[in-house]
Every structure is written in C-alpha cells, then in structure tokens.
Amino acid sequence: MPPAVVPLLLVAIGVPAAFRAAIGRPRALGTAWLAAIAAVAVAQMLGELIGSRIGVLGDAQLLYAALAATITSAALSALERARR
C-alpha cells in the first residue's frame, strides 16, 4: 500500500465514525465509509490535478480529503434525517 493512502484511509474512516459518535448519524456506517472513501479518492485526484499544496502530507491531500469526507458524512446524515 502506498504511504499516501494510509492517512487518506484514516480520514475516510475517522470522519464518518466521528459523526456517528457526535450525533448518532450516519446509522449505516458501512455505507458512510464507502461514500467517504469515494469522496476522499475524488478529492485526492482533484487536488493532484490542480496542483494544490495546501494541507498536504507527503503526497496525500489531507485538507481536501477531510473536507470531502465531512461533506459526504453531513449529506448522508441529512438523507437519513429526511428519510425518517
């Protein structure tokens, strides 16, 4: 596994888990993790394409990854709330 993938996976796993701990959502944590991993991968790719160096650790775009995972977790939380 490339070293840059490790912090990205930690962000993708940690942010939805933090949402669940803080507000009890997302209830479908597995779905939230998959969505966050996809969002983090897209954020990493976009950060590489635009050549951003803000919030970078090694080759990992941590700032964009954290923002993408947070937005995804918030969106899933809102969807779960709307389904009730």
N, C-alpha and C. Protein backbone atom coordinates (compact mmCIF):
# COMPACT_ATOMS: atom_id res chain seq x y z
N MET A 1 0.85 -1.18 0.00
CA MET A 1 0.00 0.00 0.00
C MET A 1 0.88 1.23 0.00
N PRO A 2 0.65 2.16 -0.92
CA PRO A 2 1.45 3.39 -0.95
C PRO A 2 1.28 4.19 0.35
N PRO A 3 2.36 4.81 0.82
CA PRO A 3 2.27 5.55 2.08
C PRO A 3 1.23 6.67 2.08
N ALA A 4 0.96 7.28 0.94
CA ALA A 4 -0.02 8.37 0.88
C ALA A 4 -1.45 7.88 1.11
N VAL A 5 -1.69 6.59 0.88
CA VAL A 5 -3.04 6.05 1.03
C VAL A 5 -3.42 5.90 2.50
N VAL A 6 -2.45 5.67 3.37
CA VAL A 6 -2.74 5.42 4.78
C VAL A 6 -3.44 6.61 5.44
N PRO A 7 -2.90 7.84 5.37
CA PRO A 7 -3.64 8.95 6.01
C PRO A 7 -4.98 9.23 5.35
N LEU A 8 -5.08 8.99 4.04
CA LEU A 8 -6.36 9.21 3.37
C LEU A 8 -7.41 8.22 3.87
N LEU A 9 -7.01 6.96 4.06
CA LEU A 9 -7.94 5.97 4.59
C LEU A 9 -8.32 6.29 6.03
N LEU A 10 -7.37 6.77 6.81
CA LEU A 10 -7.68 7.14 8.19
C LEU A 10 -8.71 8.27 8.23
N VAL A 11 -8.57 9.23 7.33
CA VAL A 11 -9.55 10.33 7.25
C VAL A 11 -10.91 9.78 6.82
N ALA A 12 -10.91 8.93 5.80
CA ALA A 12 -12.17 8.39 5.27
C ALA A 12 -12.89 7.52 6.28
N ILE A 13 -12.17 6.86 7.15
CA ILE A 13 -12.79 6.01 8.18
C ILE A 13 -13.13 6.83 9.42
N GLY A 14 -12.27 7.77 9.76
CA GLY A 14 -12.45 8.52 11.01
C GLY A 14 -13.56 9.55 10.98
N VAL A 15 -13.75 10.24 9.88
CA VAL A 15 -14.75 11.31 9.83
C VAL A 15 -16.17 10.76 9.99
N PRO A 16 -16.59 9.73 9.23
CA PRO A 16 -17.93 9.19 9.47
C PRO A 16 -18.11 8.61 10.87
N ALA A 17 -17.06 8.00 11.39
CA ALA A 17 -17.13 7.47 12.76
C ALA A 17 -17.28 8.59 13.77
N ALA A 18 -16.62 9.71 13.54
CA ALA A 18 -16.76 10.87 14.43
C ALA A 18 -18.17 11.44 14.35
N PHE A 19 -18.74 11.50 13.15
CA PHE A 19 -20.12 11.96 13.01
C PHE A 19 -21.06 11.05 13.79
N ARG A 20 -20.84 9.76 13.67
CA ARG A 20 -21.70 8.80 14.38
C ARG A 20 -21.57 8.98 15.89
N ALA A 21 -20.37 9.17 16.37
CA ALA A 21 -20.15 9.36 17.80
C ALA A 21 -20.74 10.67 18.30
N ALA A 22 -20.65 11.71 17.48
CA ALA A 22 -21.11 13.03 17.92
C ALA A 22 -22.63 13.19 17.87
N ILE A 23 -23.25 12.73 16.79
CA ILE A 23 -24.69 12.99 16.64
C ILE A 23 -25.52 11.74 16.38
N GLY A 24 -24.92 10.57 16.46
CA GLY A 24 -25.69 9.36 16.27
C GLY A 24 -26.00 9.03 14.82
N ARG A 25 -25.42 9.78 13.92
CA ARG A 25 -25.59 9.51 12.49
C ARG A 25 -24.22 9.53 11.86
N PRO A 26 -23.93 8.93 10.79
CA PRO A 26 -24.79 8.07 9.99
C PRO A 26 -25.00 6.71 10.64
N ARG A 27 -26.23 6.25 10.60
CA ARG A 27 -26.57 4.94 11.17
C ARG A 27 -25.98 3.82 10.34
N ALA A 28 -26.01 3.96 9.04
CA ALA A 28 -25.41 2.97 8.14
C ALA A 28 -23.93 3.32 7.99
N LEU A 29 -23.15 2.94 8.97
CA LEU A 29 -21.75 3.34 9.00
C LEU A 29 -20.96 2.75 7.83
N GLY A 30 -21.27 1.53 7.44
CA GLY A 30 -20.58 0.92 6.29
C GLY A 30 -20.80 1.72 5.01
N THR A 31 -22.03 2.15 4.80
CA THR A 31 -22.34 2.99 3.64
C THR A 31 -21.61 4.32 3.73
N ALA A 32 -21.56 4.89 4.92
CA ALA A 32 -20.86 6.16 5.11
C ALA A 32 -19.38 6.01 4.83
N TRP A 33 -18.80 4.90 5.26
CA TRP A 33 -17.38 4.67 4.98
C TRP A 33 -17.11 4.55 3.49
N LEU A 34 -17.95 3.79 2.79
CA LEU A 34 -17.77 3.65 1.33
C LEU A 34 -17.91 4.98 0.62
N ALA A 35 -18.91 5.75 1.01
CA ALA A 35 -19.10 7.07 0.39
C ALA A 35 -17.93 7.99 0.71
N ALA A 36 -17.43 7.95 1.95
CA ALA A 36 -16.30 8.80 2.32
C ALA A 36 -15.03 8.38 1.60
N ILE A 37 -14.81 7.08 1.43
CA ILE A 37 -13.63 6.62 0.69
C ILE A 37 -13.69 7.11 -0.75
N ALA A 38 -14.88 7.03 -1.37
CA ALA A 38 -15.02 7.53 -2.74
C ALA A 38 -14.79 9.03 -2.80
N ALA A 39 -15.34 9.77 -1.84
CA ALA A 39 -15.17 11.22 -1.83
C ALA A 39 -13.71 11.60 -1.60
N VAL A 40 -13.03 10.88 -0.73
CA VAL A 40 -11.61 11.15 -0.47
C VAL A 40 -10.77 10.87 -1.71
N ALA A 41 -11.09 9.78 -2.42
CA ALA A 41 -10.35 9.47 -3.64
C ALA A 41 -10.54 10.57 -4.69
N VAL A 42 -11.76 11.06 -4.82
CA VAL A 42 -12.02 12.15 -5.77
C VAL A 42 -11.29 13.42 -5.33
N ALA A 43 -11.32 13.72 -4.03
CA ALA A 43 -10.63 14.92 -3.53
C ALA A 43 -9.13 14.82 -3.76
N GLN A 44 -8.56 13.63 -3.56
CA GLN A 44 -7.13 13.43 -3.80
C GLN A 44 -6.81 13.69 -5.27
N MET A 45 -7.64 13.13 -6.14
CA MET A 45 -7.40 13.31 -7.58
C MET A 45 -7.52 14.77 -7.98
N LEU A 46 -8.55 15.46 -7.49
CA LEU A 46 -8.72 16.87 -7.84
C LEU A 46 -7.58 17.72 -7.29
N GLY A 47 -7.13 17.42 -6.08
CA GLY A 47 -6.00 18.15 -5.51
C GLY A 47 -4.74 17.96 -6.33
N GLU A 48 -4.54 16.75 -6.82
CA GLU A 48 -3.37 16.49 -7.67
C GLU A 48 -3.50 17.21 -9.01
N LEU A 49 -4.71 17.21 -9.58
CA LEU A 49 -4.91 17.85 -10.88
C LEU A 49 -4.69 19.36 -10.83
N ILE A 50 -5.15 20.00 -9.75
CA ILE A 50 -4.98 21.45 -9.67
C ILE A 50 -3.62 21.82 -9.07
N GLY A 51 -2.87 20.84 -8.59
CA GLY A 51 -1.53 21.09 -8.08
C GLY A 51 -1.50 21.82 -6.76
N SER A 52 -2.50 21.62 -5.94
CA SER A 52 -2.58 22.30 -4.64
C SER A 52 -1.56 21.72 -3.66
N ARG A 53 -0.96 22.58 -2.88
CA ARG A 53 -0.02 22.16 -1.84
C ARG A 53 -0.51 22.56 -0.45
N ILE A 54 -1.77 23.01 -0.36
CA ILE A 54 -2.35 23.39 0.93
C ILE A 54 -2.85 22.14 1.64
N GLY A 55 -2.44 21.94 2.88
CA GLY A 55 -2.90 20.79 3.65
C GLY A 55 -2.41 19.46 3.14
N VAL A 56 -1.19 19.43 2.62
CA VAL A 56 -0.63 18.21 2.04
C VAL A 56 0.33 17.56 3.03
N LEU A 57 0.21 16.26 3.19
CA LEU A 57 1.14 15.47 3.99
C LEU A 57 1.75 14.43 3.06
N GLY A 58 3.00 14.61 2.71
CA GLY A 58 3.61 13.73 1.72
C GLY A 58 2.93 13.95 0.38
N ASP A 59 2.31 12.91 -0.14
CA ASP A 59 1.56 13.02 -1.38
C ASP A 59 0.06 13.04 -1.14
N ALA A 60 -0.38 13.06 0.11
CA ALA A 60 -1.80 13.00 0.43
C ALA A 60 -2.39 14.40 0.59
N GLN A 61 -3.49 14.62 -0.07
CA GLN A 61 -4.22 15.90 0.00
C GLN A 61 -5.17 15.84 1.20
N LEU A 62 -4.63 16.01 2.40
CA LEU A 62 -5.43 15.82 3.62
C LEU A 62 -6.52 16.86 3.79
N LEU A 63 -6.26 18.10 3.46
CA LEU A 63 -7.28 19.13 3.63
C LEU A 63 -8.49 18.83 2.75
N TYR A 64 -8.27 18.54 1.48
CA TYR A 64 -9.37 18.24 0.58
C TYR A 64 -10.05 16.94 0.98
N ALA A 65 -9.28 15.96 1.42
CA ALA A 65 -9.86 14.69 1.86
C ALA A 65 -10.76 14.89 3.06
N ALA A 66 -10.30 15.67 4.04
CA ALA A 66 -11.11 15.92 5.23
C ALA A 66 -12.39 16.68 4.88
N LEU A 67 -12.28 17.67 4.00
CA LEU A 67 -13.47 18.41 3.58
C LEU A 67 -14.45 17.51 2.84
N ALA A 68 -13.94 16.68 1.95
CA ALA A 68 -14.81 15.78 1.18
C ALA A 68 -15.49 14.77 2.08
N ALA A 69 -14.76 14.19 3.02
CA ALA A 69 -15.35 13.22 3.94
C ALA A 69 -16.38 13.87 4.85
N THR A 70 -16.11 15.10 5.28
CA THR A 70 -17.06 15.81 6.15
C THR A 70 -18.33 16.15 5.39
N ILE A 71 -18.20 16.64 4.18
CA ILE A 71 -19.38 16.98 3.37
C ILE A 71 -20.20 15.72 3.09
N THR A 72 -19.53 14.63 2.75
CA THR A 72 -20.23 13.37 2.48
C THR A 72 -20.95 12.87 3.72
N SER A 73 -20.29 12.92 4.87
CA SER A 73 -20.93 12.46 6.11
C SER A 73 -22.13 13.34 6.47
N ALA A 74 -21.99 14.64 6.28
CA ALA A 74 -23.10 15.55 6.57
C ALA A 74 -24.27 15.29 5.61
N ALA A 75 -23.96 15.03 4.35
CA ALA A 75 -25.01 14.75 3.38
C ALA A 75 -25.74 13.46 3.72
N LEU A 76 -25.00 12.42 4.10
CA LEU A 76 -25.64 11.16 4.48
C LEU A 76 -26.47 11.33 5.75
N SER A 77 -25.98 12.12 6.68
CA SER A 77 -26.75 12.39 7.90
C SER A 77 -28.06 13.10 7.56
N ALA A 78 -28.00 14.06 6.65
CA ALA A 78 -29.20 14.78 6.24
C ALA A 78 -30.17 13.85 5.52
N LEU A 79 -29.66 12.96 4.68
CA LEU A 79 -30.52 11.99 3.99
C LEU A 79 -31.21 11.07 4.98
N GLU A 80 -30.47 10.61 5.98
CA GLU A 80 -31.07 9.73 6.99
C GLU A 80 -32.15 10.47 7.77
N ARG A 81 -31.89 11.73 8.08
CA ARG A 81 -32.86 12.53 8.82
C ARG A 81 -34.12 12.74 7.97
N ALA A 82 -33.94 12.96 6.66
CA ALA A 82 -35.07 13.20 5.77
C ALA A 82 -35.91 11.93 5.56
N ARG A 83 -35.27 10.78 5.64
CA ARG A 83 -35.99 9.51 5.43
C ARG A 83 -36.91 9.16 6.60
N ARG A 84 -36.66 9.74 7.75
CA ARG A 84 -37.49 9.42 8.94
C ARG A 84 -38.83 10.03 8.88
